[in-house]
PDB file of N, CA and C in Angstrom:
ATOM      1  N   MET A   1     -36.795-113.119 -62.909  1.00  0.00           N
ATOM      2  CA  MET A   1     -35.350-112.629 -63.879  1.00  0.00           C
ATOM      3  C   MET A   1     -34.689-112.451 -62.765  1.00  0.00           C
ATOM      4  N   SER A   2     -33.863-113.711 -62.413  1.00  0.00           N
ATOM      5  CA  SER A   2     -32.501-114.124 -61.556  1.00  0.00           C
ATOM      6  C   SER A   2     -31.761-113.186 -61.051  1.00  0.00           C
ATOM      7  N   ARG A   3     -31.017-113.050 -59.721  1.00  0.00           N
ATOM      8  CA  ARG A   3     -30.109-111.989 -60.508  1.00  0.00           C
ATOM      9  C   ARG A   3     -28.579-112.615 -60.709  1.00  0.00           C
ATOM     10  N   ALA A   4     -28.314-113.368 -61.226  1.00  0.00           N
ATOM     11  CA  ALA A   4     -27.377-112.855 -62.188  1.00  0.00           C
ATOM     12  C   ALA A   4     -27.859-112.658 -63.978  1.00  0.00           C
ATOM     13  N   ALA A   5     -28.784-112.919 -64.067  1.00  0.00           N
ATOM     14  CA  ALA A   5     -29.128-112.704 -65.004  1.00  0.00           C
ATOM     15  C   ALA A   5     -29.395-110.932 -64.996  1.00  0.00           C
ATOM     16  N   SER A   6     -29.343-110.690 -63.954  1.00  0.00           N
ATOM     17  CA  SER A   6     -29.920-109.047 -64.047  1.00  0.00           C
ATOM     18  C   SER A   6     -29.008-107.919 -65.169  1.00  0.00           C
ATOM     19  N   PRO A   7     -29.531-107.243 -65.565  1.00  0.00           N
ATOM     20  CA  PRO A   7     -28.950-106.313 -66.505  1.00  0.00           C
ATOM     21  C   PRO A   7     -27.729-105.337 -65.671  1.00  0.00           C
ATOM     22  N   ASN A   8     -28.324-105.239 -64.736  1.00  0.00           N
ATOM     23  CA  ASN A   8     -27.118-103.922 -63.208  1.00  0.00           C
ATOM     24  C   ASN A   8     -26.596-104.338 -62.312  1.00  0.00           C
ATOM     25  N   ARG A   9     -25.706-105.477 -63.359  1.00  0.00           N
ATOM     26  CA  ARG A   9     -24.742-105.404 -62.311  1.00  0.00           C
ATOM     27  C   ARG A   9     -23.441-104.367 -62.119  1.00  0.00           C
ATOM     28  N   SER A  10     -22.936-104.868 -60.498  1.00  0.00           N
ATOM     29  CA  SER A  10     -22.445-103.668 -59.774  1.00  0.00           C
ATOM     30  C   SER A  10     -21.146-104.098 -60.086  1.00  0.00           C
ATOM     31  N   LYS A  11     -20.108-103.148 -60.109  1.00  0.00           N
ATOM     32  CA  LYS A  11     -18.652-103.738 -60.065  1.00  0.00           C
ATOM     33  C   LYS A  11     -18.022-103.594 -58.691  1.00  0.00           C
ATOM     34  N   CYS A  12     -19.151-103.497 -57.923  1.00  0.00           N
ATOM     35  CA  CYS A  12     -18.667-104.452 -56.787  1.00  0.00           C
ATOM     36  C   CYS A  12     -18.738-105.750 -56.291  1.00  0.00           C
ATOM     37  N   SER A  13     -17.736-106.496 -56.057  1.00  0.00           N
ATOM     38  CA  SER A  13     -18.040-107.997 -55.457  1.00  0.00           C
ATOM     39  C   SER A  13     -19.005-108.510 -55.171  1.00  0.00           C
ATOM     40  N   THR A  14     -18.981-107.167 -53.315  1.00  0.00           N
ATOM     41  CA  THR A  14     -19.951-107.441 -52.946  1.00  0.00           C
ATOM     42  C   THR A  14     -21.259-108.205 -52.715  1.00  0.00           C
ATOM     43  N   CYS A  15     -22.149-106.738 -53.679  1.00  0.00           N
ATOM     44  CA  CYS A  15     -23.423-107.341 -53.985  1.00  0.00           C
ATOM     45  C   CYS A  15     -23.794-107.101 -55.682  1.00  0.00           C
ATOM     46  N   PRO A  16     -24.978-107.330 -56.083  1.00  0.00           N
ATOM     47  CA  PRO A  16     -25.493-106.959 -57.431  1.00  0.00           C
ATOM     48  C   PRO A  16     -25.758-105.772 -57.772  1.00  0.00           C
ATOM     49  N   VAL A  17     -26.222-104.478 -56.884  1.00  0.00           N
ATOM     50  CA  VAL A  17     -26.742-103.754 -56.841  1.00  0.00           C
ATOM     51  C   VAL A  17     -25.692-102.537 -57.496  1.00  0.00           C
ATOM     52  N   ASP A  18     -26.320-101.274 -58.804  1.00  0.00           N
ATOM     53  CA  ASP A  18     -25.788-100.695 -59.088  1.00  0.00           C
ATOM     54  C   ASP A  18     -25.475 -99.426 -57.717  1.00  0.00           C
ATOM     55  N   GLY A  19     -24.310 -99.272 -58.374  1.00  0.00           N
ATOM     56  CA  GLY A  19     -23.958 -97.716 -56.750  1.00  0.00           C
ATOM     57  C   GLY A  19     -24.424 -98.271 -55.627  1.00  0.00           C
ATOM     58  N   CYS A  20     -23.817 -99.262 -55.435  1.00  0.00           N
ATOM     59  CA  CYS A  20     -23.538 -99.854 -54.237  1.00  0.00           C
ATOM     60  C   CYS A  20     -22.301 -99.311 -53.077  1.00  0.00           C
ATOM     61  N   SER A  21     -23.118 -98.835 -51.895  1.00  0.00           N
ATOM     62  CA  SER A  21     -21.700 -97.649 -50.964  1.00  0.00           C
ATOM     63  C   SER A  21     -20.524 -99.125 -50.024  1.00  0.00           C
ATOM     64  N   ALA A  22     -21.173-100.175 -50.907  1.00  0.00           N
ATOM     65  CA  ALA A  22     -20.379-101.034 -50.236  1.00  0.00           C
ATOM     66  C   ALA A  22     -18.565-101.037 -50.258  1.00  0.00           C
ATOM     67  N   GLU A  23     -17.673-100.779 -49.099  1.00  0.00           N
ATOM     68  CA  GLU A  23     -16.369-100.817 -49.431  1.00  0.00           C
ATOM     69  C   GLU A  23     -16.072-102.402 -49.496  1.00  0.00           C
ATOM     70  N   ASN A  24     -15.290-102.526 -50.903  1.00  0.00           N
ATOM     71  CA  ASN A  24     -14.677-103.467 -50.831  1.00  0.00           C
ATOM     72  C   ASN A  24     -13.199-104.156 -49.833  1.00  0.00           C
ATOM     73  N   THR A  25     -13.540-104.763 -48.912  1.00  0.00           N
ATOM     74  CA  THR A  25     -12.043-105.349 -47.852  1.00  0.00           C
ATOM     75  C   THR A  25     -11.376-105.977 -47.441  1.00  0.00           C
ATOM     76  N   ALA A  26     -11.630-106.557 -48.939  1.00  0.00           N
ATOM     77  CA  ALA A  26     -10.882-108.147 -48.897  1.00  0.00           C
ATOM     78  C   ALA A  26     -10.090-108.172 -49.179  1.00  0.00           C
ATOM     79  N   ASP A  27      -8.940-106.777 -49.549  1.00  0.00           N
ATOM     80  CA  ASP A  27      -7.404-106.771 -49.406  1.00  0.00           C
ATOM     81  C   ASP A  27      -6.498-106.266 -48.649  1.00  0.00           C
ATOM     82  N   ASP A  28      -7.577-105.963 -47.602  1.00  0.00           N
ATOM     83  CA  ASP A  28      -7.400-104.978 -46.698  1.00  0.00           C
ATOM     84  C   ASP A  28      -8.017-105.323 -45.561  1.00  0.00           C
ATOM     85  N   PRO A  29      -7.621-107.028 -44.594  1.00  0.00           N
ATOM     86  CA  PRO A  29      -8.379-106.636 -43.512  1.00  0.00           C
ATOM     87  C   PRO A  29      -8.207-106.113 -42.892  1.00  0.00           C
ATOM     88  N   PRO A  30      -8.650-105.653 -41.167  1.00  0.00           N
ATOM     89  CA  PRO A  30      -8.243-104.858 -40.364  1.00  0.00           C
ATOM     90  C   PRO A  30      -6.970-105.981 -39.213  1.00  0.00           C
ATOM     91  N   LEU A  31      -7.490-106.768 -39.307  1.00  0.00           N
ATOM     92  CA  LEU A  31      -6.285-107.112 -38.449  1.00  0.00           C
ATOM     93  C   LEU A  31      -5.778-108.284 -39.189  1.00  0.00           C
ATOM     94  N   ALA A  32      -4.628-109.065 -39.169  1.00  0.00           N
ATOM     95  CA  ALA A  32      -3.647-109.708 -39.934  1.00  0.00           C
ATOM     96  C   ALA A  32      -2.676-109.996 -39.381  1.00  0.00           C
ATOM     97  N   GLY A  33      -1.971-111.542 -39.961  1.00  0.00           N
ATOM     98  CA  GLY A  33      -0.558-111.646 -39.668  1.00  0.00           C
ATOM     99  C   GLY A  33      -0.776-111.678 -37.829  1.00  0.00           C
ATOM    100  N   TRP A  34       0.200-111.318 -36.891  1.00  0.00           N
ATOM    101  CA  TRP A  34       0.463-111.678 -35.508  1.00  0.00           C
ATOM    102  C   TRP A  34      -0.938-110.434 -34.780  1.00  0.00           C
ATOM    103  N   ARG A  35      -0.981-109.418 -35.166  1.00  0.00           N
ATOM    104  CA  ARG A  35      -2.164-108.471 -34.835  1.00  0.00           C
ATOM    105  C   ARG A  35      -3.017-109.769 -34.402  1.00  0.00           C
ATOM    106  N   PHE A  36      -3.184-110.730 -35.228  1.00  0.00           N
ATOM    107  CA  PHE A  36      -4.678-111.338 -35.741  1.00  0.00           C
ATOM    108  C   PHE A  36      -4.498-112.634 -34.361  1.00  0.00           C
ATOM    109  N   ALA A  37      -3.649-112.478 -34.671  1.00  0.00           N
ATOM    110  CA  ALA A  37      -2.985-113.609 -33.348  1.00  0.00           C
ATOM    111  C   ALA A  37      -3.166-113.211 -32.190  1.00  0.00           C
ATOM    112  N   LEU A  38      -2.121-112.640 -31.836  1.00  0.00           N
ATOM    113  CA  LEU A  38      -2.550-112.009 -30.389  1.00  0.00           C
ATOM    114  C   LEU A  38      -3.729-111.218 -30.250  1.00  0.00           C
ATOM    115  N   ALA A  39      -4.644-111.029 -31.178  1.00  0.00           N
ATOM    116  CA  ALA A  39      -6.408-110.321 -30.580  1.00  0.00           C
ATOM    117  C   ALA A  39      -6.960-111.726 -30.298  1.00  0.00           C
ATOM    118  N   SER A  40      -6.915-112.472 -31.271  1.00  0.00           N
ATOM    119  CA  SER A  40      -7.647-113.506 -30.996  1.00  0.00           C
ATOM    120  C   SER A  40      -6.886-114.383 -29.850  1.00  0.00           C
ATOM    121  N   SER A  41      -6.408-114.727 -29.946  1.00  0.00           N
ATOM    122  CA  SER A  41      -5.539-115.471 -28.353  1.00  0.00           C
ATOM    123  C   SER A  41      -5.844-114.668 -26.914  1.00  0.00           C
ATOM    124  N   GLY A  42      -5.849-113.137 -27.058  1.00  0.00           N
ATOM    125  CA  GLY A  42      -6.760-112.591 -26.079  1.00  0.00           C
ATOM    126  C   GLY A  42      -7.581-112.183 -25.608  1.00  0.00           C
ATOM    127  N   LEU A  43      -8.933-111.832 -27.014  1.00  0.00           N
ATOM    128  CA  LEU A  43      -9.919-112.188 -26.573  1.00  0.00           C
ATOM    129  C   LEU A  43     -10.675-112.867 -26.084  1.00  0.00           C
ATOM    130  N   PHE A  44     -10.009-114.382 -26.199  1.00  0.00           N
ATOM    131  CA  PHE A  44     -10.270-115.733 -25.809  1.00  0.00           C
ATOM    132  C   PHE A  44      -9.731-116.178 -24.687  1.00  0.00           C
ATOM    133  N   LEU A  45      -8.527-116.131 -24.368  1.00  0.00           N
ATOM    134  CA  LEU A  45      -7.433-116.280 -22.748  1.00  0.00           C
ATOM    135  C   LEU A  45      -7.486-115.863 -22.081  1.00  0.00           C
ATOM    136  N   GLY A  46      -7.991-114.262 -21.663  1.00  0.00           N
ATOM    137  CA  GLY A  46      -7.951-112.697 -21.053  1.00  0.00           C
ATOM    138  C   GLY A  46      -9.005-112.929 -20.713  1.00  0.00           C
ATOM    139  N   PRO A  47     -10.579-112.951 -20.923  1.00  0.00           N
ATOM    140  CA  PRO A  47     -11.481-113.275 -19.977  1.00  0.00           C
ATOM    141  C   PRO A  47     -10.797-114.629 -19.020  1.00  0.00           C
ATOM    142  N   LEU A  48     -10.873-115.713 -19.774  1.00  0.00           N
ATOM    143  CA  LEU A  48     -10.959-116.975 -18.556  1.00  0.00           C
ATOM    144  C   LEU A  48      -9.444-116.999 -17.443  1.00  0.00           C
ATOM    145  N   VAL A  49      -8.679-116.111 -17.630  1.00  0.00           N
ATOM    146  CA  VAL A  49      -7.302-116.410 -17.589  1.00  0.00           C
ATOM    147  C   VAL A  49      -8.188-115.256 -15.737  1.00  0.00           C
ATOM    148  N   LEU A  50      -8.756-113.816 -16.295  1.00  0.00           N
ATOM    149  CA  LEU A  50      -9.037-112.957 -15.251  1.00  0.00           C
ATOM    150  C   LEU A  50      -9.792-113.708 -14.724  1.00  0.00           C
ATOM    151  N   MET A  51     -10.782-114.784 -15.154  1.00  0.00           N
ATOM    152  CA  MET A  51     -11.755-115.234 -14.225  1.00  0.00           C
ATOM    153  C   MET A  51     -11.025-116.115 -13.483  1.00  0.00           C
ATOM    154  N   LEU A  52     -10.042-116.965 -13.822  1.00  0.00           N
ATOM    155  CA  LEU A  52      -9.661-117.756 -12.611  1.00  0.00           C
ATOM    156  C   LEU A  52      -8.860-116.892 -11.543  1.00  0.00           C
ATOM    157  N   ILE A  53      -8.269-115.785 -12.087  1.00  0.00           N
ATOM    158  CA  ILE A  53      -7.562-114.804 -10.837  1.00  0.00           C
ATOM    159  C   ILE A  53      -8.963-114.284 -10.411  1.00  0.00           C
ATOM    160  N   GLY A  54     -10.079-114.392 -10.338  1.00  0.00           N
ATOM    161  CA  GLY A  54     -10.876-113.344  -9.868  1.00  0.00           C
ATOM    162  C   GLY A  54     -11.185-114.907  -8.903  1.00  0.00           C
ATOM    163  N   ALA A  55     -11.461-116.141  -8.788  1.00  0.00           N
ATOM    164  CA  ALA A  55     -12.266-116.924  -7.873  1.00  0.00           C
ATOM    165  C   ALA A  55     -11.249-117.459  -7.602  1.00  0.00           C
ATOM    166  N   VAL A  56      -9.418-117.540  -7.418  1.00  0.00           N
ATOM    167  CA  VAL A  56      -9.137-117.837  -6.382  1.00  0.00           C
ATOM    168  C   VAL A  56      -8.831-116.239  -5.522  1.00  0.00           C
ATOM    169  N   TRP A  57      -9.054-115.429  -6.025  1.00  0.00           N
ATOM    170  CA  TRP A  57      -9.397-114.226  -4.827  1.00  0.00           C
ATOM    171  C   TRP A  57     -10.181-114.001  -4.102  1.00  0.00           C
ATOM    172  N   ALA A  58     -11.289-114.440  -4.255  1.00  0.00           N
ATOM    173  CA  ALA A  58     -12.140-114.115  -3.709  1.00  0.00           C
ATOM    174  C   ALA A  58     -12.577-116.124  -3.386  1.00  0.00           C
ATOM    175  N   ALA A  59     -11.251-116.950  -2.540  1.00  0.00           N
ATOM    176  CA  ALA A  59     -12.062-118.404  -2.605  1.00  0.00           C
ATOM    177  C   ALA A  59     -11.946-118.692  -1.109  1.00  0.00           C
ATOM    178  N   GLU A  60     -12.841-117.653  -0.326  1.00  0.00           N
ATOM    179  CA  GLU A  60     -13.341-118.017   0.927  1.00  0.00           C
ATOM    180  C   GLU A  60     -14.685-118.891   1.074  1.00  0.00           C
ATOM    181  N   THR A  61     -15.537-118.572   0.286  1.00  0.00           N
ATOM    182  CA  THR A  61     -17.008-119.575   0.058  1.00  0.00           C
ATOM    183  C   THR A  61     -17.052-119.870  -0.855  1.00  0.00           C
ATOM    184  N   PRO A  62     -17.503-120.286  -1.289  1.00  0.00           N
ATOM    185  CA  PRO A  62     -18.490-120.748  -3.217  1.00  0.00           C
ATOM    186  C   PRO A  62     -19.001-119.770  -3.468  1.00  0.00           C
ATOM    187  N   ALA A  63     -19.757-119.047  -2.660  1.00  0.00           N
ATOM    188  CA  ALA A  63     -21.124-118.035  -3.383  1.00  0.00           C
ATOM    189  C   ALA A  63     -19.677-116.639  -3.453  1.00  0.00           C
ATOM    190  N   ALA A  64     -19.000-116.529  -2.668  1.00  0.00           N
ATOM    191  CA  ALA A  64     -17.799-115.360  -2.698  1.00  0.00           C
ATOM    192  C   ALA A  64     -17.122-115.850  -3.954  1.00  0.00           C
ATOM    193  N   GLN A  65     -16.706-117.036  -4.647  1.00  0.00           N
ATOM    194  CA  GLN A  65     -15.671-117.589  -5.373  1.00  0.00           C
ATOM    195  C   GLN A  65     -16.390-117.151  -6.735  1.00  0.00           C
ATOM    196  N   LEU A  66     -18.105-117.104  -6.600  1.00  0.00           N
ATOM    197  CA  LEU A  66     -19.081-117.552  -8.322  1.00  0.00           C
ATOM    198  C   LEU A  66     -18.471-116.047  -8.464  1.00  0.00           C
ATOM    199  N   CYS A  67     -18.895-114.944  -7.606  1.00  0.00           N
ATOM    200  CA  CYS A  67     -18.678-113.752  -7.919  1.00  0.00           C
ATOM    201  C   CYS A  67     -17.962-112.672  -8.541  1.00  0.00           C
ATOM    202  N   GLY A  68     -16.693-113.635  -8.062  1.00  0.00           N
ATOM    203  CA  GLY A  68     -15.191-113.270  -7.996  1.00  0.00           C
ATOM    204  C   GLY A  68     -15.178-113.558  -9.516  1.00  0.00           C
ATOM    205  N   ALA A  69     -15.540-114.801  -9.676  1.00  0.00           N
ATOM    206  CA  ALA A  69     -15.083-115.489 -11.040  1.00  0.00           C
ATOM    207  C   ALA A  69     -16.219-114.539 -12.229  1.00  0.00           C
ATOM    208  N   LEU A  70     -16.979-114.108 -11.682  1.00  0.00           N
ATOM    209  CA  LEU A  70     -17.664-113.315 -12.921  1.00  0.00           C
ATOM    210  C   LEU A  70     -17.486-112.280 -13.086  1.00  0.00           C
ATOM    211  N   ALA A  71     -16.936-111.580 -11.639  1.00  0.00           N
ATOM    212  CA  ALA A  71     -16.236-110.085 -11.378  1.00  0.00           C
ATOM    213  C   ALA A  71     -14.980-110.214 -12.557  1.00  0.00           C
ATOM    214  N   GLY A  72     -14.233-111.040 -12.743  1.00  0.00           N
ATOM    215  CA  GLY A  72     -13.097-111.265 -12.764  1.00  0.00           C
ATOM    216  C   GLY A  72     -13.826-111.428 -15.023  1.00  0.00           C
ATOM    217  N   LEU A  73     -14.725-112.523 -14.972  1.00  0.00           N
ATOM    218  CA  LEU A  73     -14.935-112.256 -16.462  1.00  0.00           C
ATOM    219  C   LEU A  73     -15.582-110.945 -17.296  1.00  0.00           C
ATOM    220  N   GLY A  74     -16.149-110.752 -16.983  1.00  0.00           N
ATOM    221  CA  GLY A  74     -16.704-109.126 -17.177  1.00  0.00           C
ATOM    222  C   GLY A  74     -14.982-107.823 -17.652  1.00  0.00           C
ATOM    223  N   ALA A  75     -14.608-108.036 -16.362  1.00  0.00           N
ATOM    224  CA  ALA A  75     -13.118-107.552 -16.254  1.00  0.00           C
ATOM    225  C   ALA A  75     -12.390-107.842 -17.757  1.00  0.00           C
ATOM    226  N   GLY A  76     -12.634-109.022 -17.923  1.00  0.00           N
ATOM    227  CA  GLY A  76     -11.700-109.394 -18.713  1.00  0.00           C
ATOM    228  C   GLY A  76     -12.491-109.355 -19.913  1.00  0.00           C
ATOM    229  N   VAL A  77     -13.250-109.260 -20.428  1.00  0.00           N
ATOM    230  CA  VAL A  77     -14.130-109.245 -21.960  1.00  0.00           C
ATOM    231  C   VAL A  77     -14.047-107.430 -21.616  1.00  0.00           C
ATOM    232  N   ALA A  78     -14.221-106.904 -21.017  1.00  0.00           N
ATOM    233  CA  ALA A  78     -13.979-105.070 -20.980  1.00  0.00           C
ATOM    234  C   ALA A  78     -12.674-105.109 -22.078  1.00  0.00           C
ATOM    235  N   LEU A  79     -11.194-105.748 -21.285  1.00  0.00           N
ATOM    236  CA  LEU A  79     -10.612-105.925 -21.825  1.00  0.00           C
ATOM    237  C   LEU A  79      -9.598-106.388 -22.764  1.00  0.00           C
ATOM    238  N   SER A  80     -10.467-107.093 -22.997  1.00  0.00           N
ATOM    239  CA  SER A  80      -9.975-107.648 -24.429  1.00  0.00           C
ATOM    240  C   SER A  80     -10.913-106.862 -25.552  1.00  0.00           C
ATOM    241  N   VAL A  81     -12.160-106.694 -25.133  1.00  0.00           N
ATOM    242  CA  VAL A  81     -12.717-105.018 -26.489  1.00  0.00           C
ATOM    243  C   VAL A  81     -12.104-104.190 -26.407  1.00  0.00           C
ATOM    244  N   ALA A  82     -11.690-103.930 -25.588  1.00  0.00           N
ATOM    245  CA  ALA A  82     -10.546-102.508 -25.410  1.00  0.00           C
ATOM    246  C   ALA A  82      -9.422-102.940 -26.316  1.00  0.00           C
ATOM    247  N   ILE A  83      -8.108-103.585 -26.334  1.00  0.00           N
ATOM    248  CA  ILE A  83      -7.345-104.059 -26.645  1.00  0.00           C
ATOM    249  C   ILE A  83      -7.535-104.717 -28.042  1.00  0.00           C
ATOM    250  N   SER A  84      -8.727-104.727 -28.376  1.00  0.00           N
ATOM    251  CA  SER A  84      -8.888-105.237 -29.835  1.00  0.00           C
ATOM    252  C   SER A  84      -9.396-104.313 -30.997  1.00  0.00           C
ATOM    253  N   GLY A  85      -9.819-102.887 -30.283  1.00  0.00           N
ATOM    254  CA  GLY A  85     -10.448-102.087 -30.898  1.00  0.00           C
ATOM    255  C   GLY A  85      -9.073-100.765 -31.125  1.00  0.00           C
ATOM    256  N   ILE A  86      -8.330-100.579 -29.890  1.00  0.00           N
ATOM    257  CA  ILE A  86      -6.874-100.760 -29.864  1.00  0.00           C
ATOM    258  C   ILE A  86      -6.203-101.118 -31.326  1.00  0.00           C
ATOM    259  N   LEU A  87      -5.604-102.621 -31.481  1.00  0.00           N
ATOM    260  CA  LEU A  87      -4.986-103.028 -32.725  1.00  0.00           C
ATOM    261  C   LEU A  87      -5.600-102.624 -33.764  1.00  0.00           C
ATOM    262  N   ARG A  88      -7.460-103.164 -33.827  1.00  0.00           N
ATOM    263  CA  ARG A  88      -7.860-102.552 -35.369  1.00  0.00           C
ATOM    264  C   ARG A  88      -7.329-101.027 -35.555  1.00  0.00           C
ATOM    265  N   ARG A  89      -7.134-100.125 -34.794  1.00  0.00           N
ATOM    266  CA  ARG A  89      -6.397 -99.387 -35.140  1.00  0.00           C
ATOM    267  C   ARG A  89      -5.298 -99.000 -35.538  1.00  0.00           C
ATOM    268  N   VAL A  90      -4.676 -99.642 -35.337  1.00  0.00           N
ATOM    269  CA  VAL A  90      -3.365 -99.451 -35.451  1.00  0.00           C
ATOM    270  C   VAL A  90      -2.738-100.118 -36.289  1.00  0.00           C
ATOM    271  N   SER A  91      -3.656-101.487 -36.127  1.00  0.00           N
ATOM    272  CA  SER A  91      -3.441-102.043 -38.206  1.00  0.00           C
ATOM    273  C   SER A  91      -3.647-101.219 -38.904  1.00  0.00           C
ATOM    274  N   LYS A  92      -4.634-100.211 -38.863  1.00  0.00           N
ATOM    275  CA  LYS A  92      -5.369 -99.601 -40.741  1.00  0.00           C
ATOM    276  C   LYS A  92      -4.207 -98.671 -40.113  1.00  0.00           C
ATOM    277  N   ASP A  93      -3.573 -97.796 -39.421  1.00  0.00           N
ATOM    278  CA  ASP A  93      -2.565 -96.737 -39.630  1.00  0.00           C
ATOM    279  C   ASP A  93      -1.503 -97.727 -40.142  1.00  0.00           C
ATOM    280  N   ASN A  94      -1.334 -98.684 -40.156  1.00  0.00           N
ATOM    281  CA  ASN A  94       0.195 -99.576 -40.090  1.00  0.00           C
ATOM    282  C   ASN A  94       0.431-100.586 -40.784  1.00  0.00           C
ATOM    283  N   PRO A  95      -0.387-100.523 -42.143  1.00  0.00           N
ATOM    284  CA  PRO A  95      -0.119-101.697 -42.451  1.00  0.00           C
ATOM    285  C   PRO A  95       1.015-102.850 -43.149  1.00  0.00           C
TER     286      PRO A  95
END
């Protein structure tokens, strides 16, 4: 018996299982509009900018540049994750 012919069709559009606990969030995305654009550009460009700043700041030797770039990349990723978490909470509170 295929899924389409199953008598236990759920009212949830996510899956065909009755009593599914999944929430249908298609109408309420956590990030939308300018918040989505800001979060996506921050997640992509923030670590790259901080990586460049770290490499320029430690420009004495190639090994120091590499360490500075990796430290800047790590800081940029951590900062981007924190900012996107804040934006997600704000967008859920203020639709």
